[in-house]
Amino acid sequence: MSDDVLEQVTALIDADPRSGQSLLLYALVKALSTAQGHYLYTLKKLRELQPAQRLLAYALMEQMAQGLNETQAWRDAVRRMDEAMARKY
């Protein structure tokens, strides 16, 4: 499931990095990738996600709780998301 969630989020961001849904999920992924930042993310932002994307957000948080945000698969997915976001500009 962990790779599937990362793939779904990466595909969503890659398909439309300018969308609000992509930006919200990207911000969450970046927050969950930065333990030094104490995983700061305004949970109120979850209200702005559509139900399907909110489920992805919950799955990402579960992965962080399991320590999966420290794996190479997570880092690779974040790199791909960073590349998609860089194309935005």
Protein backbone atom coordinates (compact mmCIF):
# COMPACT_ATOMS: atom_id res chain seq x y z
CA MET A 1 0.00 0.00 0.00
CA SER A 2 2.81 2.45 0.78
CA ASP A 3 4.15 2.56 -2.77
CA ASP A 4 0.59 2.74 -4.12
CA VAL A 5 -0.22 5.86 -2.07
CA LEU A 6 3.02 7.53 -3.07
CA GLU A 7 2.35 6.65 -6.71
CA GLN A 8 -1.19 8.04 -6.52
CA VAL A 9 -0.03 11.29 -4.95
CA THR A 10 2.90 11.61 -7.35
CA ALA A 11 0.63 10.97 -10.35
CA LEU A 12 -1.91 13.53 -9.13
CA ILE A 13 0.81 16.16 -8.67
CA ASP A 14 2.48 15.27 -11.96
CA ALA A 15 -0.81 15.53 -13.85
CA ASP A 16 -1.62 19.03 -12.59
CA PRO A 17 0.97 20.65 -10.33
CA ARG A 18 -0.96 23.93 -10.43
CA SER A 19 -4.15 22.58 -8.87
CA GLY A 20 -5.03 23.40 -5.30
CA GLN A 21 -5.36 19.71 -4.48
CA SER A 22 -1.83 19.05 -5.74
CA LEU A 23 -0.43 21.97 -3.79
CA LEU A 24 -2.09 20.86 -0.57
CA LEU A 25 -0.87 17.27 -0.91
CA TYR A 26 2.62 18.44 -1.89
CA ALA A 27 2.77 20.66 1.20
CA LEU A 28 1.75 17.71 3.36
CA VAL A 29 4.36 15.42 1.80
CA LYS A 30 7.07 18.04 2.30
CA ALA A 31 5.98 18.55 5.93
CA LEU A 32 6.01 14.80 6.59
CA SER A 33 9.47 14.62 5.04
CA THR A 34 10.97 17.13 7.47
CA ALA A 35 11.20 15.81 11.00
CA GLN A 36 13.28 18.86 11.94
CA GLY A 37 10.24 20.96 11.08
CA HIS A 38 8.24 18.95 13.61
CA TYR A 39 5.93 17.86 10.81
CA LEU A 40 4.21 21.26 10.71
CA TYR A 41 1.05 21.25 8.62
CA THR A 42 -2.16 23.09 9.35
CA LEU A 43 -4.70 20.31 9.75
CA LYS A 44 -7.43 22.78 8.89
CA LYS A 45 -6.10 22.51 5.31
CA LEU A 46 -7.55 18.97 5.19
CA ARG A 47 -10.97 20.62 4.81
CA GLU A 48 -9.85 22.02 1.46
CA LEU A 49 -9.10 18.59 0.03
CA GLN A 50 -11.71 16.62 -1.85
CA PRO A 51 -12.71 13.38 -0.06
CA ALA A 52 -10.52 11.17 -2.29
CA GLN A 53 -7.47 13.36 -1.77
CA ARG A 54 -8.20 13.57 1.96
CA LEU A 55 -7.98 9.77 2.11
CA LEU A 56 -4.58 10.00 0.43
CA ALA A 57 -3.52 12.57 3.03
CA TYR A 58 -4.56 10.24 5.86
CA ALA A 59 -2.63 7.39 4.24
CA LEU A 60 0.46 9.60 3.97
CA MET A 61 0.19 10.46 7.67
CA GLU A 62 -0.10 6.76 8.50
CA GLN A 63 3.04 6.08 6.49
CA MET A 64 4.87 8.72 8.50
CA ALA A 65 3.64 7.11 11.73
CA GLN A 66 5.11 3.81 10.50
CA GLY A 67 8.43 5.45 9.63
CA LEU A 68 7.98 4.92 5.91
CA ASN A 69 8.77 8.58 5.24
CA GLU A 70 12.41 7.70 5.90
CA THR A 71 12.67 5.14 3.09
CA GLN A 72 14.30 5.43 -0.30
CA ALA A 73 10.88 4.93 -1.95
CA TRP A 74 9.56 8.00 -0.11
CA ARG A 75 12.62 10.07 -1.05
CA ASP A 76 12.30 9.00 -4.69
CA ALA A 77 8.62 9.97 -4.75
CA VAL A 78 9.36 13.35 -3.16
CA ARG A 79 12.07 13.97 -5.78
CA ARG A 80 9.55 13.24 -8.54
CA MET A 81 7.02 15.56 -6.89
CA ASP A 82 9.68 18.27 -6.60
CA GLU A 83 10.38 17.91 -10.32
CA ALA A 84 6.67 18.18 -11.15
CA MET A 85 6.32 21.28 -8.99
CA ALA A 86 9.40 22.83 -10.60
CA ARG A 87 7.68 22.48 -14.00
CA LYS A 88 4.88 24.60 -12.58
CA TYR A 89 7.02 27.72 -12.90
